[in-house]
Amino acid sequence: PVLQAAGKKNSSNLLGLTEADLKEQFVRGDGPGGQATNKTNNCVVLKHIPSGIVVKCHQTRSVEQNRKIAREILQEKVDLLYKGEDSDVFKEKKASEKKKQEKKRRAKANLEKKKLFKEMQQLEKK
C-alpha cells in the first residue's frame, strides 16, 4: 500500500539514484494504438538493482520522455521503500486522502440540508 503513493510528488527531498544502480531496457509497448505501438520499442523498463523495484513506462511515444518519466517514478518508489512513512510522497498522499474525505463529508452534509429544506417546503405547502 505504501508503494501505491508513487507518482504523486515532485520534490527535491527524494533519495538520489545512480545510473550504476539502474538497468534499462526498451521494449515494445502494449495497449491501444495499433501499429504505432506494436512496431516501435518506445516502452522503457527500468529496474533498480539494489531494491529490485521495476518500473514500466509507456505514457508517450517519445523514448526520451518515457525515460525521464520512468526515472521520476522509480525515484519516488525507491524513496517510499527506504523512508516509508517519513517520505514526502507518503505524506502528500495522506494529505490528499484526508482532503478528499473532508470534501465527501461536506457534500454529504449539504445533501442532507437540501433534503431537509425540501421536506420543510413540502410541509409548508400543505
N, C-alpha and C. Protein backbone atom coordinates (compact mmCIF):
# COMPACT_ATOMS: atom_id res chain seq x y z
N PRO A 1 0.81 -1.20 0.00
CA PRO A 1 0.00 0.00 0.00
C PRO A 1 0.85 1.26 0.00
N VAL A 2 2.06 1.19 0.58
CA VAL A 2 2.92 2.35 0.63
C VAL A 2 3.41 2.71 -0.77
N LEU A 3 3.69 1.70 -1.59
CA LEU A 3 4.23 1.96 -2.93
C LEU A 3 3.20 2.54 -3.87
N GLN A 4 1.90 2.44 -3.56
CA GLN A 4 0.87 2.96 -4.44
C GLN A 4 0.87 4.48 -4.48
N ALA A 5 1.52 5.12 -3.53
CA ALA A 5 1.53 6.57 -3.50
C ALA A 5 2.53 7.16 -4.49
N ALA A 6 3.36 6.34 -5.10
CA ALA A 6 4.37 6.85 -6.02
C ALA A 6 3.73 7.50 -7.22
N GLY A 7 4.45 8.43 -7.82
CA GLY A 7 3.95 9.15 -8.97
C GLY A 7 3.15 10.37 -8.60
N LYS A 8 3.15 10.78 -7.36
CA LYS A 8 2.31 11.88 -6.90
C LYS A 8 3.08 13.12 -6.49
N LYS A 9 4.40 13.06 -6.37
CA LYS A 9 5.14 14.16 -5.75
C LYS A 9 6.36 14.53 -6.57
N ASN A 10 6.57 15.82 -6.78
CA ASN A 10 7.80 16.32 -7.37
C ASN A 10 8.56 17.07 -6.29
N SER A 11 9.59 16.44 -5.75
CA SER A 11 10.27 17.04 -4.63
C SER A 11 11.76 16.85 -4.77
N SER A 12 12.52 17.77 -4.20
CA SER A 12 13.98 17.64 -4.22
C SER A 12 14.47 16.85 -3.01
N ASN A 13 13.58 16.46 -2.09
CA ASN A 13 13.97 15.70 -0.91
C ASN A 13 14.03 14.21 -1.16
N LEU A 14 13.77 13.77 -2.39
CA LEU A 14 13.78 12.35 -2.69
C LEU A 14 15.21 11.82 -2.72
N LEU A 15 15.32 10.51 -2.43
CA LEU A 15 16.63 9.88 -2.50
C LEU A 15 17.13 9.89 -3.94
N GLY A 16 18.42 10.09 -4.11
CA GLY A 16 19.00 10.12 -5.44
C GLY A 16 19.26 8.73 -5.99
N LEU A 17 19.25 8.60 -7.30
CA LEU A 17 19.55 7.34 -7.96
C LEU A 17 20.84 7.50 -8.74
N THR A 18 21.66 6.47 -8.73
CA THR A 18 22.87 6.48 -9.56
C THR A 18 22.63 5.59 -10.77
N GLU A 19 23.19 5.96 -11.89
CA GLU A 19 23.00 5.21 -13.13
C GLU A 19 23.56 3.80 -13.02
N ALA A 20 24.57 3.59 -12.16
CA ALA A 20 25.15 2.26 -11.98
C ALA A 20 24.16 1.30 -11.33
N ASP A 21 23.21 1.84 -10.56
CA ASP A 21 22.22 1.00 -9.88
C ASP A 21 21.02 0.68 -10.76
N LEU A 22 20.97 1.22 -11.98
CA LEU A 22 19.81 1.07 -12.84
C LEU A 22 20.10 0.14 -14.02
N LYS A 23 19.11 -0.66 -14.37
CA LYS A 23 19.18 -1.48 -15.58
C LYS A 23 18.01 -1.04 -16.45
N GLU A 24 18.33 -0.63 -17.68
CA GLU A 24 17.32 -0.05 -18.56
C GLU A 24 17.13 -0.92 -19.80
N GLN A 25 15.86 -1.14 -20.16
CA GLN A 25 15.53 -1.88 -21.37
C GLN A 25 14.48 -1.11 -22.15
N PHE A 26 14.49 -1.31 -23.45
CA PHE A 26 13.47 -0.72 -24.31
C PHE A 26 12.71 -1.87 -24.95
N VAL A 27 11.40 -1.90 -24.71
CA VAL A 27 10.57 -2.98 -25.24
C VAL A 27 9.40 -2.40 -26.00
N ARG A 28 8.69 -3.27 -26.68
CA ARG A 28 7.51 -2.83 -27.39
C ARG A 28 6.40 -2.56 -26.39
N GLY A 29 5.69 -1.48 -26.62
CA GLY A 29 4.58 -1.14 -25.74
C GLY A 29 3.39 -2.04 -26.00
N ASP A 30 2.40 -1.91 -25.12
CA ASP A 30 1.17 -2.67 -25.31
C ASP A 30 -0.01 -1.74 -25.12
N GLY A 31 -1.18 -2.25 -25.38
CA GLY A 31 -2.37 -1.44 -25.22
C GLY A 31 -2.83 -0.84 -26.53
N PRO A 32 -3.73 0.15 -26.47
CA PRO A 32 -4.29 0.71 -27.69
C PRO A 32 -3.24 1.50 -28.48
N GLY A 33 -3.44 1.61 -29.77
CA GLY A 33 -2.53 2.37 -30.59
C GLY A 33 -2.16 1.64 -31.86
N GLY A 34 -2.47 0.35 -31.94
CA GLY A 34 -2.24 -0.41 -33.16
C GLY A 34 -0.80 -0.48 -33.58
N GLN A 35 -0.56 -0.25 -34.86
CA GLN A 35 0.77 -0.40 -35.43
C GLN A 35 1.78 0.57 -34.82
N ALA A 36 1.31 1.74 -34.41
CA ALA A 36 2.22 2.74 -33.83
C ALA A 36 2.89 2.21 -32.57
N THR A 37 2.20 1.39 -31.78
CA THR A 37 2.81 0.85 -30.56
C THR A 37 3.39 -0.53 -30.79
N ASN A 38 2.84 -1.29 -31.70
CA ASN A 38 3.27 -2.67 -31.88
C ASN A 38 4.60 -2.81 -32.61
N LYS A 39 5.02 -1.79 -33.35
CA LYS A 39 6.25 -1.91 -34.14
C LYS A 39 7.41 -1.09 -33.59
N THR A 40 7.19 -0.30 -32.55
CA THR A 40 8.27 0.54 -32.05
C THR A 40 8.63 0.16 -30.62
N ASN A 41 9.91 0.21 -30.30
CA ASN A 41 10.39 -0.10 -28.96
C ASN A 41 10.53 1.19 -28.16
N ASN A 42 9.42 1.82 -27.82
CA ASN A 42 9.49 3.08 -27.09
C ASN A 42 9.00 2.94 -25.65
N CYS A 43 8.75 1.74 -25.19
CA CYS A 43 8.37 1.50 -23.80
C CYS A 43 9.65 1.26 -22.99
N VAL A 44 9.79 1.95 -21.89
CA VAL A 44 11.01 1.87 -21.07
C VAL A 44 10.73 1.02 -19.83
N VAL A 45 11.58 0.01 -19.61
CA VAL A 45 11.52 -0.80 -18.40
C VAL A 45 12.79 -0.49 -17.61
N LEU A 46 12.60 0.03 -16.42
CA LEU A 46 13.72 0.48 -15.59
C LEU A 46 13.71 -0.31 -14.29
N LYS A 47 14.86 -0.90 -13.95
CA LYS A 47 14.96 -1.70 -12.72
C LYS A 47 16.03 -1.12 -11.82
N HIS A 48 15.67 -0.95 -10.55
CA HIS A 48 16.62 -0.51 -9.53
C HIS A 48 17.20 -1.78 -8.92
N ILE A 49 18.44 -2.09 -9.23
CA ILE A 49 19.05 -3.36 -8.86
C ILE A 49 19.11 -3.60 -7.35
N PRO A 50 19.54 -2.63 -6.51
CA PRO A 50 19.61 -2.91 -5.07
C PRO A 50 18.27 -3.25 -4.41
N SER A 51 17.20 -2.59 -4.84
CA SER A 51 15.89 -2.82 -4.22
C SER A 51 15.03 -3.81 -5.00
N GLY A 52 15.31 -4.00 -6.28
CA GLY A 52 14.53 -4.90 -7.11
C GLY A 52 13.25 -4.29 -7.65
N ILE A 53 13.06 -2.99 -7.47
CA ILE A 53 11.85 -2.31 -7.96
C ILE A 53 11.94 -2.14 -9.48
N VAL A 54 10.86 -2.50 -10.16
CA VAL A 54 10.80 -2.38 -11.62
C VAL A 54 9.69 -1.42 -12.00
N VAL A 55 9.99 -0.51 -12.93
CA VAL A 55 9.01 0.47 -13.43
C VAL A 55 8.94 0.32 -14.94
N LYS A 56 7.71 0.26 -15.45
CA LYS A 56 7.49 0.20 -16.89
C LYS A 56 6.74 1.46 -17.29
N CYS A 57 7.29 2.22 -18.23
CA CYS A 57 6.68 3.48 -18.62
C CYS A 57 6.45 3.52 -20.13
N HIS A 58 5.19 3.71 -20.52
CA HIS A 58 4.83 3.84 -21.92
C HIS A 58 3.75 4.91 -22.05
N GLN A 59 4.00 6.08 -21.43
CA GLN A 59 3.00 7.13 -21.41
C GLN A 59 2.99 7.98 -22.67
N THR A 60 4.14 8.09 -23.33
CA THR A 60 4.21 8.90 -24.55
C THR A 60 4.83 8.08 -25.68
N ARG A 61 4.87 8.65 -26.86
CA ARG A 61 5.50 7.97 -28.00
C ARG A 61 7.00 8.23 -28.04
N SER A 62 7.47 9.16 -27.24
CA SER A 62 8.88 9.52 -27.22
C SER A 62 9.66 8.68 -26.21
N VAL A 63 10.75 8.08 -26.67
CA VAL A 63 11.58 7.27 -25.78
C VAL A 63 12.21 8.15 -24.70
N GLU A 64 12.67 9.33 -25.08
CA GLU A 64 13.34 10.21 -24.11
C GLU A 64 12.38 10.66 -23.01
N GLN A 65 11.17 11.01 -23.38
CA GLN A 65 10.20 11.42 -22.35
C GLN A 65 9.85 10.24 -21.46
N ASN A 66 9.70 9.05 -22.04
CA ASN A 66 9.41 7.86 -21.23
C ASN A 66 10.55 7.54 -20.28
N ARG A 67 11.79 7.74 -20.73
CA ARG A 67 12.95 7.51 -19.85
C ARG A 67 12.92 8.47 -18.67
N LYS A 68 12.61 9.73 -18.94
CA LYS A 68 12.56 10.73 -17.87
C LYS A 68 11.44 10.41 -16.87
N ILE A 69 10.26 10.10 -17.38
CA ILE A 69 9.12 9.79 -16.52
C ILE A 69 9.40 8.54 -15.68
N ALA A 70 9.99 7.52 -16.32
CA ALA A 70 10.30 6.28 -15.61
C ALA A 70 11.27 6.53 -14.46
N ARG A 71 12.27 7.38 -14.69
CA ARG A 71 13.24 7.69 -13.63
C ARG A 71 12.58 8.44 -12.47
N GLU A 72 11.68 9.35 -12.79
CA GLU A 72 10.97 10.09 -11.73
C GLU A 72 10.12 9.14 -10.88
N ILE A 73 9.39 8.26 -11.55
CA ILE A 73 8.53 7.32 -10.83
C ILE A 73 9.37 6.36 -9.99
N LEU A 74 10.46 5.87 -10.58
CA LEU A 74 11.34 4.96 -9.85
C LEU A 74 11.96 5.64 -8.64
N GLN A 75 12.36 6.88 -8.80
CA GLN A 75 12.95 7.63 -7.69
C GLN A 75 11.95 7.76 -6.54
N GLU A 76 10.70 8.04 -6.86
CA GLU A 76 9.67 8.16 -5.84
C GLU A 76 9.41 6.82 -5.14
N LYS A 77 9.38 5.74 -5.92
CA LYS A 77 9.15 4.42 -5.32
C LYS A 77 10.30 4.00 -4.42
N VAL A 78 11.52 4.27 -4.84
CA VAL A 78 12.69 3.94 -4.01
C VAL A 78 12.67 4.77 -2.73
N ASP A 79 12.31 6.04 -2.86
CA ASP A 79 12.19 6.91 -1.68
C ASP A 79 11.16 6.35 -0.71
N LEU A 80 10.02 5.93 -1.23
CA LEU A 80 8.98 5.33 -0.38
C LEU A 80 9.46 4.05 0.29
N LEU A 81 10.20 3.24 -0.45
CA LEU A 81 10.68 1.98 0.10
C LEU A 81 11.63 2.21 1.27
N TYR A 82 12.56 3.13 1.11
CA TYR A 82 13.58 3.34 2.14
C TYR A 82 13.11 4.24 3.28
N LYS A 83 12.31 5.26 2.99
CA LYS A 83 11.87 6.19 4.03
C LYS A 83 10.54 5.79 4.66
N GLY A 84 9.72 5.06 3.92
CA GLY A 84 8.42 4.64 4.44
C GLY A 84 7.51 5.82 4.71
N GLU A 85 6.96 5.89 5.94
CA GLU A 85 6.01 6.95 6.29
C GLU A 85 6.66 8.32 6.44
N ASP A 86 7.99 8.38 6.48
CA ASP A 86 8.69 9.66 6.57
C ASP A 86 8.87 10.31 5.20
N SER A 87 8.53 9.61 4.15
CA SER A 87 8.71 10.10 2.79
C SER A 87 7.72 11.23 2.49
N ASP A 88 8.17 12.21 1.74
CA ASP A 88 7.30 13.32 1.31
C ASP A 88 6.16 12.81 0.44
N VAL A 89 6.43 11.79 -0.36
CA VAL A 89 5.41 11.23 -1.24
C VAL A 89 4.28 10.64 -0.41
N PHE A 90 4.64 9.91 0.64
CA PHE A 90 3.64 9.29 1.51
C PHE A 90 2.82 10.35 2.23
N LYS A 91 3.51 11.39 2.73
CA LYS A 91 2.82 12.46 3.46
C LYS A 91 1.83 13.19 2.55
N GLU A 92 2.23 13.44 1.30
CA GLU A 92 1.33 14.14 0.38
C GLU A 92 0.13 13.27 0.04
N LYS A 93 0.34 11.97 -0.12
CA LYS A 93 -0.76 11.06 -0.41
C LYS A 93 -1.75 11.04 0.75
N LYS A 94 -1.26 10.99 1.98
CA LYS A 94 -2.14 11.00 3.15
C LYS A 94 -2.93 12.31 3.23
N ALA A 95 -2.26 13.43 2.95
CA ALA A 95 -2.92 14.73 3.00
C ALA A 95 -4.03 14.81 1.95
N SER A 96 -3.76 14.30 0.74
CA SER A 96 -4.78 14.35 -0.31
C SER A 96 -5.96 13.44 0.02
N GLU A 97 -5.69 12.29 0.66
CA GLU A 97 -6.79 11.41 1.07
C GLU A 97 -7.65 12.08 2.12
N LYS A 98 -7.01 12.77 3.06
CA LYS A 98 -7.74 13.47 4.11
C LYS A 98 -8.61 14.58 3.52
N LYS A 99 -8.04 15.30 2.56
CA LYS A 99 -8.77 16.38 1.89
C LYS A 99 -9.98 15.82 1.12
N LYS A 100 -9.79 14.68 0.48
CA LYS A 100 -10.87 14.05 -0.27
C LYS A 100 -11.99 13.60 0.66
N GLN A 101 -11.63 13.04 1.80
CA GLN A 101 -12.64 12.60 2.77
C GLN A 101 -13.42 13.79 3.32
N GLU A 102 -12.73 14.88 3.58
CA GLU A 102 -13.39 16.09 4.09
C GLU A 102 -14.37 16.64 3.05
N LYS A 103 -13.96 16.64 1.80
CA LYS A 103 -14.83 17.12 0.71
C LYS A 103 -16.07 16.24 0.60
N LYS A 104 -15.89 14.93 0.73
CA LYS A 104 -17.00 14.00 0.67
C LYS A 104 -17.96 14.22 1.83
N ARG A 105 -17.40 14.48 3.02
CA ARG A 105 -18.22 14.71 4.21
C ARG A 105 -19.06 15.98 4.03
N ARG A 106 -18.43 17.05 3.51
CA ARG A 106 -19.16 18.30 3.30
C ARG A 106 -20.27 18.14 2.26
N ALA A 107 -19.99 17.39 1.20
CA ALA A 107 -21.00 17.17 0.16
C ALA A 107 -22.20 16.41 0.74
N LYS A 108 -21.91 15.43 1.57
CA LYS A 108 -22.99 14.65 2.20
C LYS A 108 -23.83 15.54 3.12
N ALA A 109 -23.17 16.41 3.89
CA ALA A 109 -23.88 17.32 4.79
C ALA A 109 -24.76 18.28 3.99
N ASN A 110 -24.25 18.81 2.90
CA ASN A 110 -25.05 19.72 2.05
C ASN A 110 -26.25 19.01 1.46
N LEU A 111 -26.07 17.75 1.07
CA LEU A 111 -27.17 16.98 0.53
C LEU A 111 -28.27 16.79 1.57
N GLU A 112 -27.87 16.52 2.80
CA GLU A 112 -28.84 16.38 3.89
C GLU A 112 -29.60 17.69 4.13
N LYS A 113 -28.88 18.81 4.09
CA LYS A 113 -29.52 20.12 4.28
C LYS A 113 -30.56 20.37 3.18
N LYS A 114 -30.20 20.06 1.95
CA LYS A 114 -31.12 20.25 0.83
C LYS A 114 -32.36 19.38 1.00
N LYS A 115 -32.14 18.15 1.42
CA LYS A 115 -33.25 17.23 1.63
C LYS A 115 -34.20 17.75 2.71
N LEU A 116 -33.64 18.22 3.81
CA LEU A 116 -34.46 18.80 4.88
C LEU A 116 -35.21 20.04 4.42
N PHE A 117 -34.55 20.87 3.63
CA PHE A 117 -35.17 22.08 3.12
C PHE A 117 -36.37 21.74 2.24
N LYS A 118 -36.21 20.75 1.37
CA LYS A 118 -37.32 20.34 0.50
C LYS A 118 -38.48 19.78 1.32
N GLU A 119 -38.16 19.01 2.34
CA GLU A 119 -39.21 18.48 3.20
C GLU A 119 -39.97 19.60 3.91
N MET A 120 -39.24 20.62 4.36
CA MET A 120 -39.87 21.78 5.00
C MET A 120 -40.80 22.50 4.02
N GLN A 121 -40.35 22.67 2.78
CA GLN A 121 -41.18 23.31 1.78
C GLN A 121 -42.44 22.50 1.50
N GLN A 122 -42.31 21.19 1.46
CA GLN A 122 -43.48 20.33 1.23
C GLN A 122 -44.48 20.49 2.35
N LEU A 123 -44.00 20.56 3.61
CA LEU A 123 -44.88 20.72 4.75
C LEU A 123 -45.57 22.08 4.74
N GLU A 124 -44.85 23.14 4.30
CA GLU A 124 -45.43 24.48 4.25
C GLU A 124 -46.54 24.59 3.20
N LYS A 125 -46.40 23.86 2.11
CA LYS A 125 -47.41 23.88 1.05
C LYS A 125 -48.71 23.23 1.49
N LYS A 126 -48.61 22.27 2.39
CA LYS A 126 -49.81 21.58 2.87
C LYS A 126 -50.44 22.40 3.93
